[in-house]
Every structure is written in C-alpha cells, then in structure tokens.
Amino acid sequence: MGMYVAVRGWLEFDHGQREQVERTLAEHRDDQYADGWGDDDLDRPVGFFLLSDERQRSTSWTVRDGEVADTVAPAELRWFAERP
C-alpha cells in the first residue's frame, strides 16, 4: 500500500552550469528517474531535501559529489512531519 510523502528542498548549481541544467531538465521532463547531473569538470550540483510522510517520519536527502545520502532528518527539522 502506498502513502503520501511531502518533499521540500533545493538544488544549487554554479551560474556557468545553468545551460546544462536547463538542457538536462528539458531532456528528462517526462522521465521519473534520472541518473543525476554532473559536468565533465566534476563541478556538480549540491542540495538538500526533506521528506516527511503520513506516518510522521522524516528523512533527508543530501546531494553532494554526485551522490545522494539518505539519512534520518536532522532533529530540528523533524517537526515538519508532525500532524495534529
């Protein structure tokens, strides 16, 4: 059975990467899964995403060095998952 998950976050990239990022987004507009972004010079985007589900659990995704680390959300952000 599925569940609802709220995702909040951002990706940061260098201004020089803008054209490549826009091209990548356009190429994968309908694709749910992409292998990630990175330029030939290894100047890769970084980012952070907070996921909170309907069971009041919070997870974080940290994007760095071409990898995504999936960990428990930092304590100060877990309140996003709390429901009355």
PDB file of N, CA and C in Angstrom:
ATOM      1  N   MET A   1       0.839  -1.174   0.000  1.00  0.00           N
ATOM      2  CA  MET A   1       0.000   0.000   0.000  1.00  0.00           C
ATOM      3  C   MET A   1       0.887   1.241   0.000  1.00  0.00           C
ATOM      4  N   GLY A   2       0.534   2.215  -0.780  1.00  0.00           N
ATOM      5  CA  GLY A   2       1.309   3.444  -0.866  1.00  0.00           C
ATOM      6  C   GLY A   2       1.006   4.407   0.264  1.00  0.00           C
ATOM      7  N   MET A   3       1.749   5.490   0.302  1.00  0.00           N
ATOM      8  CA  MET A   3       1.497   6.541   1.276  1.00  0.00           C
ATOM      9  C   MET A   3       1.922   7.871   0.681  1.00  0.00           C
ATOM     10  N   TYR A   4       1.414   8.936   1.252  1.00  0.00           N
ATOM     11  CA  TYR A   4       1.756  10.277   0.803  1.00  0.00           C
ATOM     12  C   TYR A   4       3.044  10.736   1.471  1.00  0.00           C
ATOM     13  N   VAL A   5       3.889  11.399   0.692  1.00  0.00           N
ATOM     14  CA  VAL A   5       5.142  11.941   1.200  1.00  0.00           C
ATOM     15  C   VAL A   5       5.279  13.375   0.678  1.00  0.00           C
ATOM     16  N   ALA A   6       5.536  14.305   1.581  1.00  0.00           N
ATOM     17  CA  ALA A   6       5.801  15.699   1.187  1.00  0.00           C
ATOM     18  C   ALA A   6       7.312  15.844   1.001  1.00  0.00           C
ATOM     19  N   VAL A   7       7.718  16.492  -0.080  1.00  0.00           N
ATOM     20  CA  VAL A   7       9.133  16.696  -0.366  1.00  0.00           C
ATOM     21  C   VAL A   7       9.388  18.192  -0.497  1.00  0.00           C
ATOM     22  N   ARG A   8      10.350  18.680   0.285  1.00  0.00           N
ATOM     23  CA  ARG A   8      10.749  20.080   0.230  1.00  0.00           C
ATOM     24  C   ARG A   8      12.260  20.093   0.025  1.00  0.00           C
ATOM     25  N   GLY A   9      12.759  21.002  -0.780  1.00  0.00           N
ATOM     26  CA  GLY A   9      14.204  21.033  -0.927  1.00  0.00           C
ATOM     27  C   GLY A   9      14.682  21.953  -2.023  1.00  0.00           C
ATOM     28  N   TRP A  10      15.971  21.839  -2.324  1.00  0.00           N
ATOM     29  CA  TRP A  10      16.593  22.704  -3.303  1.00  0.00           C
ATOM     30  C   TRP A  10      17.821  22.024  -3.878  1.00  0.00           C
ATOM     31  N   LEU A  11      18.188  22.462  -5.070  1.00  0.00           N
ATOM     32  CA  LEU A  11      19.468  22.117  -5.699  1.00  0.00           C
ATOM     33  C   LEU A  11      20.177  23.417  -6.012  1.00  0.00           C
ATOM     34  N   GLU A  12      21.455  23.450  -5.756  1.00  0.00           N
ATOM     35  CA  GLU A  12      22.253  24.636  -6.027  1.00  0.00           C
ATOM     36  C   GLU A  12      23.305  24.288  -7.080  1.00  0.00           C
ATOM     37  N   PHE A  13      23.438  25.154  -8.062  1.00  0.00           N
ATOM     38  CA  PHE A  13      24.441  24.939  -9.085  1.00  0.00           C
ATOM     39  C   PHE A  13      25.091  26.262  -9.449  1.00  0.00           C
ATOM     40  N   ASP A  14      26.268  26.174 -10.006  1.00  0.00           N
ATOM     41  CA  ASP A  14      27.014  27.351 -10.423  1.00  0.00           C
ATOM     42  C   ASP A  14      26.335  27.992 -11.633  1.00  0.00           C
ATOM     43  N   HIS A  15      26.401  29.311 -11.749  1.00  0.00           N
ATOM     44  CA  HIS A  15      25.773  30.014 -12.863  1.00  0.00           C
ATOM     45  C   HIS A  15      26.251  29.470 -14.211  1.00  0.00           C
ATOM     46  N   GLY A  16      27.494  29.067 -14.281  1.00  0.00           N
ATOM     47  CA  GLY A  16      28.034  28.509 -15.508  1.00  0.00           C
ATOM     48  C   GLY A  16      27.391  27.192 -15.911  1.00  0.00           C
ATOM     49  N   GLN A  17      26.701  26.548 -14.980  1.00  0.00           N
ATOM     50  CA  GLN A  17      26.030  25.275 -15.248  1.00  0.00           C
ATOM     51  C   GLN A  17      24.583  25.453 -15.705  1.00  0.00           C
ATOM     52  N   ARG A  18      24.085  26.658 -15.711  1.00  0.00           N
ATOM     53  CA  ARG A  18      22.666  26.890 -15.972  1.00  0.00           C
ATOM     54  C   ARG A  18      22.195  26.283 -17.287  1.00  0.00           C
ATOM     55  N   GLU A  19      22.935  26.503 -18.353  1.00  0.00           N
ATOM     56  CA  GLU A  19      22.526  25.975 -19.655  1.00  0.00           C
ATOM     57  C   GLU A  19      22.443  24.445 -19.625  1.00  0.00           C
ATOM     58  N   GLN A  20      23.444  23.809 -19.006  1.00  0.00           N
ATOM     59  CA  GLN A  20      23.440  22.343 -18.911  1.00  0.00           C
ATOM     60  C   GLN A  20      22.274  21.842 -18.056  1.00  0.00           C
ATOM     61  N   VAL A  21      22.003  22.509 -16.941  1.00  0.00           N
ATOM     62  CA  VAL A  21      20.897  22.110 -16.064  1.00  0.00           C
ATOM     63  C   VAL A  21      19.566  22.248 -16.804  1.00  0.00           C
ATOM     64  N   GLU A  22      19.376  23.358 -17.491  1.00  0.00           N
ATOM     65  CA  GLU A  22      18.131  23.547 -18.242  1.00  0.00           C
ATOM     66  C   GLU A  22      17.976  22.506 -19.340  1.00  0.00           C
ATOM     67  N   ARG A  23      19.068  22.161 -20.001  1.00  0.00           N
ATOM     68  CA  ARG A  23      19.030  21.131 -21.037  1.00  0.00           C
ATOM     69  C   ARG A  23      18.677  19.766 -20.422  1.00  0.00           C
ATOM     70  N   THR A  24      19.278  19.456 -19.284  1.00  0.00           N
ATOM     71  CA  THR A  24      19.000  18.186 -18.608  1.00  0.00           C
ATOM     72  C   THR A  24      17.541  18.106 -18.183  1.00  0.00           C
ATOM     73  N   LEU A  25      17.021  19.187 -17.632  1.00  0.00           N
ATOM     74  CA  LEU A  25      15.613  19.210 -17.235  1.00  0.00           C
ATOM     75  C   LEU A  25      14.699  18.999 -18.437  1.00  0.00           C
ATOM     76  N   ALA A  26      15.008  19.652 -19.553  1.00  0.00           N
ATOM     77  CA  ALA A  26      14.191  19.521 -20.763  1.00  0.00           C
ATOM     78  C   ALA A  26      14.241  18.100 -21.306  1.00  0.00           C
ATOM     79  N   GLU A  27      15.409  17.471 -21.248  1.00  0.00           N
ATOM     80  CA  GLU A  27      15.560  16.104 -21.761  1.00  0.00           C
ATOM     81  C   GLU A  27      14.822  15.077 -20.914  1.00  0.00           C
ATOM     82  N   HIS A  28      14.646  15.354 -19.624  1.00  0.00           N
ATOM     83  CA  HIS A  28      14.042  14.392 -18.706  1.00  0.00           C
ATOM     84  C   HIS A  28      12.698  14.865 -18.150  1.00  0.00           C
ATOM     85  N   ARG A  29      12.061  15.743 -18.861  1.00  0.00           N
ATOM     86  CA  ARG A  29      10.810  16.324 -18.369  1.00  0.00           C
ATOM     87  C   ARG A  29       9.783  15.259 -17.996  1.00  0.00           C
ATOM     88  N   ASP A  30       9.647  14.206 -18.773  1.00  0.00           N
ATOM     89  CA  ASP A  30       8.663  13.160 -18.508  1.00  0.00           C
ATOM     90  C   ASP A  30       9.279  11.920 -17.878  1.00  0.00           C
ATOM     91  N   ASP A  31      10.554  11.939 -17.604  1.00  0.00           N
ATOM     92  CA  ASP A  31      11.238  10.782 -17.040  1.00  0.00           C
ATOM     93  C   ASP A  31      11.257  10.893 -15.520  1.00  0.00           C
ATOM     94  N   GLN A  32      10.734   9.906 -14.834  1.00  0.00           N
ATOM     95  CA  GLN A  32      10.691   9.959 -13.367  1.00  0.00           C
ATOM     96  C   GLN A  32      12.051   9.706 -12.744  1.00  0.00           C
ATOM     97  N   TYR A  33      12.917   9.006 -13.434  1.00  0.00           N
ATOM     98  CA  TYR A  33      14.205   8.642 -12.858  1.00  0.00           C
ATOM     99  C   TYR A  33      15.340   9.105 -13.760  1.00  0.00           C
ATOM    100  N   ALA A  34      16.260   9.865 -13.205  1.00  0.00           N
ATOM    101  CA  ALA A  34      17.440  10.308 -13.946  1.00  0.00           C
ATOM    102  C   ALA A  34      18.670   9.878 -13.145  1.00  0.00           C
ATOM    103  N   ASP A  35      19.766   9.647 -13.814  1.00  0.00           N
ATOM    104  CA  ASP A  35      20.977   9.165 -13.150  1.00  0.00           C
ATOM    105  C   ASP A  35      21.750  10.251 -12.431  1.00  0.00           C
ATOM    106  N   GLY A  36      21.284  11.466 -12.441  1.00  0.00           N
ATOM    107  CA  GLY A  36      21.976  12.558 -11.761  1.00  0.00           C
ATOM    108  C   GLY A  36      22.568  13.531 -12.747  1.00  0.00           C
ATOM    109  N   TRP A  37      23.084  14.612 -12.230  1.00  0.00           N
ATOM    110  CA  TRP A  37      23.647  15.665 -13.057  1.00  0.00           C
ATOM    111  C   TRP A  37      25.121  15.818 -12.715  1.00  0.00           C
ATOM    112  N   GLY A  38      25.914  16.189 -13.670  1.00  0.00           N
ATOM    113  CA  GLY A  38      27.319  16.489 -13.431  1.00  0.00           C
ATOM    114  C   GLY A  38      27.963  16.957 -14.721  1.00  0.00           C
ATOM    115  N   ASP A  39      28.836  17.943 -14.600  1.00  0.00           N
ATOM    116  CA  ASP A  39      29.589  18.414 -15.775  1.00  0.00           C
ATOM    117  C   ASP A  39      30.867  17.612 -15.916  1.00  0.00           C
ATOM    118  N   ASP A  40      31.469  17.707 -17.101  1.00  0.00           N
ATOM    119  CA  ASP A  40      32.709  16.975 -17.347  1.00  0.00           C
ATOM    120  C   ASP A  40      33.812  17.355 -16.376  1.00  0.00           C
ATOM    121  N   ASP A  41      33.777  18.571 -15.864  1.00  0.00           N
ATOM    122  CA  ASP A  41      34.828  19.023 -14.945  1.00  0.00           C
ATOM    123  C   ASP A  41      34.505  18.669 -13.482  1.00  0.00           C
ATOM    124  N   LEU A  42      33.518  17.819 -13.275  1.00  0.00           N
ATOM    125  CA  LEU A  42      33.101  17.347 -11.945  1.00  0.00           C
ATOM    126  C   LEU A  42      32.587  18.457 -11.046  1.00  0.00           C
ATOM    127  N   ASP A  43      32.161  19.570 -11.617  1.00  0.00           N
ATOM    128  CA  ASP A  43      31.555  20.655 -10.851  1.00  0.00           C
ATOM    129  C   ASP A  43      30.082  20.316 -10.711  1.00  0.00           C
ATOM    130  N   ARG A  44      29.737  19.570  -9.678  1.00  0.00           N
ATOM    131  CA  ARG A  44      28.402  19.001  -9.551  1.00  0.00           C
ATOM    132  C   ARG A  44      27.506  19.821  -8.642  1.00  0.00           C
ATOM    133  N   PRO A  45      26.227  19.791  -8.924  1.00  0.00           N
ATOM    134  CA  PRO A  45      25.267  20.475  -8.044  1.00  0.00           C
ATOM    135  C   PRO A  45      25.253  19.854  -6.646  1.00  0.00           C
ATOM    136  N   VAL A  46      24.826  20.641  -5.677  1.00  0.00           N
ATOM    137  CA  VAL A  46      24.633  20.180  -4.312  1.00  0.00           C
ATOM    138  C   VAL A  46      23.204  20.526  -3.916  1.00  0.00           C
ATOM    139  N   GLY A  47      22.690  19.857  -2.893  1.00  0.00           N
ATOM    140  CA  GLY A  47      21.334  20.174  -2.472  1.00  0.00           C
ATOM    141  C   GLY A  47      20.910  19.425  -1.233  1.00  0.00           C
ATOM    142  N   PHE A  48      19.708  19.749  -0.791  1.00  0.00           N
ATOM    143  CA  PHE A  48      19.136  19.122   0.403  1.00  0.00           C
ATOM    144  C   PHE A  48      17.631  19.000   0.209  1.00  0.00           C
ATOM    145  N   PHE A  49      17.078  17.845   0.566  1.00  0.00           N
ATOM    146  CA  PHE A  49      15.641  17.616   0.501  1.00  0.00           C
ATOM    147  C   PHE A  49      15.167  17.009   1.811  1.00  0.00           C
ATOM    148  N   LEU A  50      14.029  17.469   2.281  1.00  0.00           N
ATOM    149  CA  LEU A  50      13.391  16.927   3.478  1.00  0.00           C
ATOM    150  C   LEU A  50      12.121  16.216   3.051  1.00  0.00           C
ATOM    151  N   LEU A  51      12.000  14.951   3.419  1.00  0.00           N
ATOM    152  CA  LEU A  51      10.818  14.153   3.104  1.00  0.00           C
ATOM    153  C   LEU A  51      10.096  13.839   4.402  1.00  0.00           C
ATOM    154  N   SER A  52       8.802  14.110   4.459  1.00  0.00           N
ATOM    155  CA  SER A  52       8.007  13.782   5.641  1.00  0.00           C
ATOM    156  C   SER A  52       6.773  13.024   5.171  1.00  0.00           C
ATOM    157  N   ASP A  53       6.499  11.898   5.847  1.00  0.00           N
ATOM    158  CA  ASP A  53       5.401  11.048   5.386  1.00  0.00           C
ATOM    159  C   ASP A  53       4.212  11.102   6.328  1.00  0.00           C
ATOM    160  N   GLU A  54       3.134  10.444   5.908  1.00  0.00           N
ATOM    161  CA  GLU A  54       1.890  10.477   6.686  1.00  0.00           C
ATOM    162  C   GLU A  54       1.980   9.672   7.977  1.00  0.00           C
ATOM    163  N   ARG A  55       3.058   8.939   8.170  1.00  0.00           N
ATOM    164  CA  ARG A  55       3.271   8.212   9.430  1.00  0.00           C
ATOM    165  C   ARG A  55       4.121   9.027  10.398  1.00  0.00           C
ATOM    166  N   GLN A  56       4.313  10.300  10.063  1.00  0.00           N
ATOM    167  CA  GLN A  56       5.048  11.274  10.867  1.00  0.00           C
ATOM    168  C   GLN A  56       6.528  10.927  11.005  1.00  0.00           C
ATOM    169  N   ARG A  57       7.110  10.388   9.924  1.00  0.00           N
ATOM    170  CA  ARG A  57       8.545  10.122   9.877  1.00  0.00           C
ATOM    171  C   ARG A  57       9.195  11.133   8.935  1.00  0.00           C
ATOM    172  N   SER A  58      10.418  11.525   9.246  1.00  0.00           N
ATOM    173  CA  SER A  58      11.152  12.471   8.408  1.00  0.00           C
ATOM    174  C   SER A  58      12.490  11.872   7.986  1.00  0.00           C
ATOM    175  N   THR A  59      12.798  12.058   6.725  1.00  0.00           N
ATOM    176  CA  THR A  59      14.051  11.594   6.138  1.00  0.00           C
ATOM    177  C   THR A  59      14.677  12.765   5.403  1.00  0.00           C
ATOM    178  N   SER A  60      15.997  12.754   5.264  1.00  0.00           N
ATOM    179  CA  SER A  60      16.641  13.792   4.475  1.00  0.00           C
ATOM    180  C   SER A  60      17.498  13.162   3.382  1.00  0.00           C
ATOM    181  N   TRP A  61      17.555  13.863   2.265  1.00  0.00           N
ATOM    182  CA  TRP A  61      18.439  13.501   1.160  1.00  0.00           C
ATOM    183  C   TRP A  61      19.422  14.643   0.994  1.00  0.00           C
ATOM    184  N   THR A  62      20.703  14.345   1.067  1.00  0.00           N
ATOM    185  CA  THR A  62      21.740  15.331   0.836  1.00  0.00           C
ATOM    186  C   THR A  62      22.427  14.996  -0.486  1.00  0.00           C
ATOM    187  N   VAL A  63      22.454  15.949  -1.410  1.00  0.00           N
ATOM    188  CA  VAL A  63      23.066  15.761  -2.730  1.00  0.00           C
ATOM    189  C   VAL A  63      24.444  16.403  -2.687  1.00  0.00           C
ATOM    190  N   ARG A  64      25.473  15.576  -2.937  1.00  0.00           N
ATOM    191  CA  ARG A  64      26.847  16.094  -2.867  1.00  0.00           C
ATOM    192  C   ARG A  64      27.793  15.125  -3.575  1.00  0.00           C
ATOM    193  N   ASP A  65      28.740  15.649  -4.309  1.00  0.00           N
ATOM    194  CA  ASP A  65      29.752  14.844  -5.003  1.00  0.00           C
ATOM    195  C   ASP A  65      29.139  13.771  -5.903  1.00  0.00           C
ATOM    196  N   GLY A  66      28.013  14.087  -6.545  1.00  0.00           N
ATOM    197  CA  GLY A  66      27.380  13.149  -7.456  1.00  0.00           C
ATOM    198  C   GLY A  66      26.641  12.012  -6.780  1.00  0.00           C
ATOM    199  N   GLU A  67      26.445  12.096  -5.478  1.00  0.00           N
ATOM    200  CA  GLU A  67      25.769  11.049  -4.703  1.00  0.00           C
ATOM    201  C   GLU A  67      24.596  11.640  -3.924  1.00  0.00           C
ATOM    202  N   VAL A  68      23.660  10.775  -3.549  1.00  0.00           N
ATOM    203  CA  VAL A  68      22.551  11.173  -2.690  1.00  0.00           C
ATOM    204  C   VAL A  68      22.636  10.340  -1.422  1.00  0.00           C
ATOM    205  N   ALA A  69      22.792  11.003  -0.273  1.00  0.00           N
ATOM    206  CA  ALA A  69      22.831  10.326   1.023  1.00  0.00           C
ATOM    207  C   ALA A  69      21.432  10.372   1.620  1.00  0.00           C
ATOM    208  N   ASP A  70      20.905   9.219   1.974  1.00  0.00           N
ATOM    209  CA  ASP A  70      19.567   9.066   2.548  1.00  0.00           C
ATOM    210  C   ASP A  70      19.728   8.801   4.038  1.00  0.00           C
ATOM    211  N   THR A  71      19.332   9.776   4.894  1.00  0.00           N
ATOM    212  CA  THR A  71      19.507   9.646   6.336  1.00  0.00           C
ATOM    213  C   THR A  71      18.253  10.118   7.073  1.00  0.00           C
ATOM    214  N   VAL A  72      18.222   9.854   8.362  1.00  0.00           N
ATOM    215  CA  VAL A  72      17.148  10.389   9.205  1.00  0.00           C
ATOM    216  C   VAL A  72      17.287  11.905   9.197  1.00  0.00           C
ATOM    217  N   ALA A  73      16.178  12.616   9.141  1.00  0.00           N
ATOM    218  CA  ALA A  73      16.209  14.079   9.105  1.00  0.00           C
ATOM    219  C   ALA A  73      16.828  14.626  10.388  1.00  0.00           C
ATOM    220  N   PRO A  74      17.524  15.767  10.298  1.00  0.00           N
ATOM    221  CA  PRO A  74      18.058  16.408  11.497  1.00  0.00           C
ATOM    222  C   PRO A  74      16.924  16.699  12.491  1.00  0.00           C
ATOM    223  N   ALA A  75      17.224  16.571  13.763  1.00  0.00           N
ATOM    224  CA  ALA A  75      16.208  16.732  14.805  1.00  0.00           C
ATOM    225  C   ALA A  75      15.442  18.040  14.691  1.00  0.00           C
ATOM    226  N   GLU A  76      16.134  19.135  14.345  1.00  0.00           N
ATOM    227  CA  GLU A  76      15.472  20.436  14.287  1.00  0.00           C
ATOM    228  C   GLU A  76      14.488  20.560  13.129  1.00  0.00           C
ATOM    229  N   LEU A  77      14.486  19.602  12.186  1.00  0.00           N
ATOM    230  CA  LEU A  77      13.555  19.644  11.057  1.00  0.00           C
ATOM    231  C   LEU A  77      12.464  18.581  11.120  1.00  0.00           C
ATOM    232  N   ARG A  78      12.507  17.707  12.086  1.00  0.00           N
ATOM    233  CA  ARG A  78      11.530  16.605  12.163  1.00  0.00           C
ATOM    234  C   ARG A  78      10.109  17.084  12.416  1.00  0.00           C
ATOM    235  N   TRP A  79       9.959  18.292  12.929  1.00  0.00           N
ATOM    236  CA  TRP A  79       8.611  18.798  13.222  1.00  0.00           C
ATOM    237  C   TRP A  79       7.785  18.954  11.966  1.00  0.00           C
ATOM    238  N   PHE A  80       8.409  19.030  10.799  1.00  0.00           N
ATOM    239  CA  PHE A  80       7.648  19.130   9.550  1.00  0.00           C
ATOM    240  C   PHE A  80       6.720  17.940   9.359  1.00  0.00           C
ATOM    241  N   ALA A  81       7.073  16.778   9.911  1.00  0.00           N
ATOM    242  CA  ALA A  81       6.273  15.572   9.735  1.00  0.00           C
ATOM    243  C   ALA A  81       5.156  15.449  10.765  1.00  0.00           C
ATOM    244  N   GLU A  82       5.180  16.265  11.809  1.00  0.00           N
ATOM    245  CA  GLU A  82       4.184  16.157  12.874  1.00  0.00           C
ATOM    246  C   GLU A  82       2.810  16.579  12.384  1.00  0.00           C
ATOM    247  N   ARG A  83       1.827  15.792  12.735  1.00  0.00           N
ATOM    248  CA  ARG A  83       0.425  16.076  12.385  1.00  0.00           C
ATOM    249  C   ARG A  83      -0.369  16.207  13.674  1.00  0.00           C
ATOM    250  N   PRO A  84      -1.349  17.107  13.690  1.00  0.00           N
ATOM    251  CA  PRO A  84      -2.165  17.256  14.921  1.00  0.00           C
ATOM    252  C   PRO A  84      -3.022  16.026  15.176  1.00  0.00           C
TER     253      PRO A  84
END
